[in-house]
Protein backbone atom coordinates (compact mmCIF):
# COMPACT_ATOMS: atom_id res chain seq x y z
CA MET A 1 36.01 -7.94 45.55
CA ASN A 2 34.31 -7.19 48.84
CA TRP A 3 30.56 -6.65 49.29
CA LYS A 4 30.74 -2.84 49.01
CA GLU A 5 32.86 -2.97 45.85
CA GLN A 6 30.50 -5.56 44.35
CA GLN A 7 27.50 -3.36 45.14
CA LYS A 8 29.18 -0.36 43.46
CA TYR A 9 30.10 -2.46 40.43
CA ASP A 10 26.56 -3.85 40.14
CA ARG A 11 25.04 -0.37 40.34
CA GLU A 12 27.43 0.93 37.68
CA GLN A 13 26.45 -1.97 35.41
CA LEU A 14 22.78 -1.14 35.97
CA ILE A 15 23.44 2.53 35.15
CA LEU A 16 25.32 1.58 31.98
CA ALA A 17 22.64 -0.87 30.84
CA GLN A 18 19.86 1.68 31.35
CA ALA A 19 21.91 4.46 29.70
CA GLU A 20 22.62 2.24 26.71
CA SER A 21 18.93 1.43 26.40
CA MET A 22 18.05 5.12 26.58
CA LEU A 23 20.63 5.99 23.92
CA PHE A 24 18.92 3.62 21.51
CA GLN A 25 15.43 4.83 22.36
CA THR A 26 16.10 8.47 21.48
CA LYS A 27 16.43 9.38 17.82
CA GLU A 28 19.23 11.85 18.59
CA GLY A 29 21.18 9.35 20.69
CA THR A 30 21.25 11.75 23.64
CA LEU A 31 21.28 10.99 27.33
CA ASN A 32 19.40 12.96 29.99
CA MET A 33 20.97 12.51 33.44
CA ASP A 34 17.75 13.32 35.33
CA GLU A 35 15.80 10.71 33.36
CA LEU A 36 18.61 8.20 33.78
CA ALA A 37 18.66 8.62 37.57
CA VAL A 38 14.88 8.13 37.75
CA ALA A 39 15.01 5.09 35.46
CA VAL A 40 17.72 3.45 37.59
CA GLY A 41 15.96 4.41 40.83
CA ILE A 42 18.75 6.48 42.34
CA SER A 43 19.29 10.15 43.03
CA LYS A 44 21.13 12.31 40.54
CA GLY A 45 23.85 12.82 43.17
CA THR A 46 24.37 9.06 43.46
CA LEU A 47 24.59 8.89 39.68
CA TYR A 48 27.36 11.49 39.75
CA ASN A 49 29.15 9.49 42.49
CA HIS A 50 29.56 6.74 39.90
CA PHE A 51 30.19 8.83 36.77
CA SER A 52 31.46 12.40 36.60
CA ASN A 53 29.26 13.33 33.63
CA LYS A 54 27.23 11.87 30.78
CA GLU A 55 30.27 11.78 28.50
CA ALA A 56 31.93 9.40 30.98
CA ILE A 57 28.90 7.11 30.78
CA VAL A 58 28.79 7.19 26.99
CA THR A 59 32.55 6.61 26.81
CA ARG A 60 32.26 3.55 29.06
CA ILE A 61 29.41 2.19 26.93
CA MET A 62 31.46 2.74 23.77
CA GLU A 63 34.52 1.07 25.32
CA ARG A 64 32.51 -1.96 26.38
CA ASN A 65 30.88 -2.33 22.96
CA ALA A 66 34.15 -1.70 21.10
CA HIS A 67 35.74 -4.42 23.20
CA ASN A 68 32.83 -6.76 22.35
CA PHE A 69 33.19 -5.83 18.68
CA LEU A 70 36.90 -6.62 18.73
CA GLN A 71 36.18 -9.93 20.46
CA MET A 72 33.56 -10.78 17.83
CA MET A 73 36.07 -9.99 15.06
CA ARG A 74 38.69 -12.21 16.65
CA GLU A 75 36.23 -15.08 17.10
CA THR A 76 35.19 -14.74 13.46
CA MET A 77 38.83 -14.79 12.34
CA ILE A 78 39.46 -17.96 14.37
CA ASN A 79 36.21 -19.85 13.78
CA VAL A 80 35.55 -19.15 10.08
CA ASP A 81 37.97 -20.90 7.73
CA ASP A 82 37.19 -19.27 4.38
CA SER A 83 38.63 -15.73 4.07
CA LEU A 84 35.74 -14.38 2.03
CA MET A 85 33.27 -15.87 4.48
CA LYS A 86 35.11 -14.13 7.34
CA LEU A 87 34.37 -10.76 5.79
CA LYS A 88 30.78 -11.70 4.94
CA THR A 89 30.26 -12.91 8.51
CA LEU A 90 31.59 -9.59 9.82
CA ILE A 91 29.23 -7.64 7.57
CA ARG A 92 26.22 -9.69 8.64
CA THR A 93 27.10 -9.53 12.33
CA ILE A 94 27.64 -5.77 12.27
CA ILE A 95 24.45 -5.00 10.37
CA ARG A 96 22.38 -7.14 12.73
CA ASN A 97 23.89 -5.67 15.90
CA PRO A 98 22.92 -2.06 16.64
CA TYR A 99 25.56 -1.86 19.38
CA PHE A 100 28.33 -2.52 16.88
CA ILE A 101 26.90 0.09 14.53
CA LEU A 102 26.80 2.55 17.43
CA VAL A 103 30.45 1.84 18.15
CA LEU A 104 31.53 2.27 14.53
CA GLN A 105 29.67 5.56 14.22
CA ASN A 106 31.12 7.02 17.42
CA LYS A 107 34.77 6.70 16.70
CA PRO A 108 37.03 8.43 19.22
CA ASP A 109 39.06 11.52 18.51
CA ARG A 110 42.33 10.24 17.07
CA ASN A 111 44.24 13.07 18.78
CA THR A 112 43.41 11.91 22.31
CA ASP A 113 44.86 8.93 24.08
CA SER A 114 42.15 6.74 25.54
CA GLU A 115 41.19 3.12 25.91
CA LEU A 116 38.56 3.62 23.22
CA LYS A 117 41.14 4.97 20.79
CA GLN A 118 43.40 1.98 21.47
CA LEU A 119 40.49 -0.42 20.89
CA PHE A 120 39.73 1.28 17.57
CA GLU A 121 43.36 1.07 16.52
CA ARG A 122 43.23 -2.69 17.16
CA ILE A 123 39.97 -2.97 15.19
CA TYR A 124 41.56 -1.08 12.26
CA GLU A 125 44.72 -3.19 12.44
CA GLU A 126 42.82 -6.47 12.41
CA LEU A 127 40.61 -5.34 9.54
CA ALA A 128 43.75 -4.31 7.64
CA ILE A 129 45.23 -7.78 8.15
CA LEU A 130 42.05 -9.37 6.79
CA PHE A 131 41.91 -7.04 3.77
CA LYS A 132 45.59 -7.61 2.94
CA HIS A 133 44.97 -11.35 3.10
CA LEU A 134 41.94 -11.01 0.80
CA GLN A 135 44.02 -8.95 -1.63
CA LYS A 136 46.76 -11.60 -1.68
CA GLN A 137 44.08 -14.16 -2.52
CA ARG A 138 42.78 -11.83 -5.27
CA ILE A 139 39.33 -11.73 -3.66
CA LEU A 140 39.70 -7.97 -3.30
CA ASP A 141 41.48 -5.91 -5.93
CA PRO A 142 45.00 -5.04 -4.69
CA VAL A 143 44.77 -1.66 -6.44
CA TYR A 144 42.89 -0.31 -3.41
CA PRO A 145 45.11 0.80 -0.53
CA THR A 146 44.35 -1.09 2.67
CA PRO A 147 43.55 2.09 4.69
CA PHE A 148 40.95 2.97 2.03
CA LEU A 149 39.34 -0.48 2.33
CA VAL A 150 39.26 -0.27 6.13
CA SER A 151 37.76 3.22 6.06
CA TYR A 152 35.23 2.29 3.39
CA PHE A 153 34.22 -0.82 5.31
CA ILE A 154 33.67 1.14 8.53
CA HIS A 155 31.59 3.78 6.74
CA LEU A 156 29.24 1.17 5.27
CA PHE A 157 27.48 1.01 8.62
CA ASP A 158 25.98 4.46 9.00
CA PRO A 159 22.81 3.94 11.10
CA ASP A 160 21.00 6.84 9.42
CA ILE A 161 21.40 5.18 6.03
CA PHE A 162 20.36 1.82 7.46
CA ASP A 163 17.21 3.33 9.05
CA PHE A 164 16.38 5.17 5.82
CA LEU A 165 16.61 1.94 3.80
CA LEU A 166 14.36 0.10 6.25
CA LYS A 167 11.79 2.92 6.10
CA GLU A 168 11.92 2.77 2.30
CA GLY A 169 10.98 -0.90 2.42
CA VAL A 170 14.38 -2.51 1.85
CA LEU A 171 14.50 -5.62 4.03
CA GLU A 172 17.42 -6.31 6.37
CA ASP A 173 18.46 -9.42 4.40
CA GLN A 174 18.44 -7.35 1.20
CA ILE A 175 20.64 -4.73 2.85
CA VAL A 176 23.11 -7.46 3.85
CA ALA A 177 23.12 -9.00 0.36
CA LEU A 178 23.45 -5.65 -1.41
CA THR A 179 26.20 -4.49 0.96
CA GLU A 180 28.15 -7.69 0.27
CA ARG A 181 27.65 -7.37 -3.47
CA PHE A 182 28.62 -3.71 -3.53
CA PHE A 183 31.67 -4.25 -1.37
CA PHE A 184 32.92 -7.30 -3.26
CA GLN A 185 31.85 -6.49 -6.81
CA GLY A 186 31.59 -2.73 -6.95
CA THR A 187 28.99 -0.94 -9.01
CA GLN A 188 29.96 -2.06 -12.49
CA LYS A 189 27.27 -3.79 -14.46
CA GLU A 190 28.10 -7.42 -15.17
CA MET A 191 28.69 -8.13 -18.86
């Protein structure tokens, strides 16, 4: 990469980092291009030289975080020996990482072909492999279809619900413990 290409790459990384920060600072998760240009210290025209629109910026952020999420899943699958602990580690890592929650809540349109859609398909496939393995071990009830388990797992991480629980005084560690219990044991009262 020559100097000019490196400079362009570095500026794009700066834009993405600032945009990601701004997405988390606004309650609506919106991005204002004027504010982004000022925050990065460039003109709005220069911003548009790097990205055609705000959707392109958000898509790139989602792709990067989805890739990081997939990498985290793979590292967990390799580095954690116990199958149940693999799933618990995933739950804890996702809940404690707002970027992963952002990714899971901004799933791509399944009718379009994009890098983000392909990343999500790999995430779903690898979760399905883990759930099938847990069902074979009788850790999860095999009566549940694997696509249901994958979908249910993904939907556990709605940031609005998480924020509501925190505001209601439920501590993060309690949320993790209750999520694990609910996912692994359901809602039936123990006899």
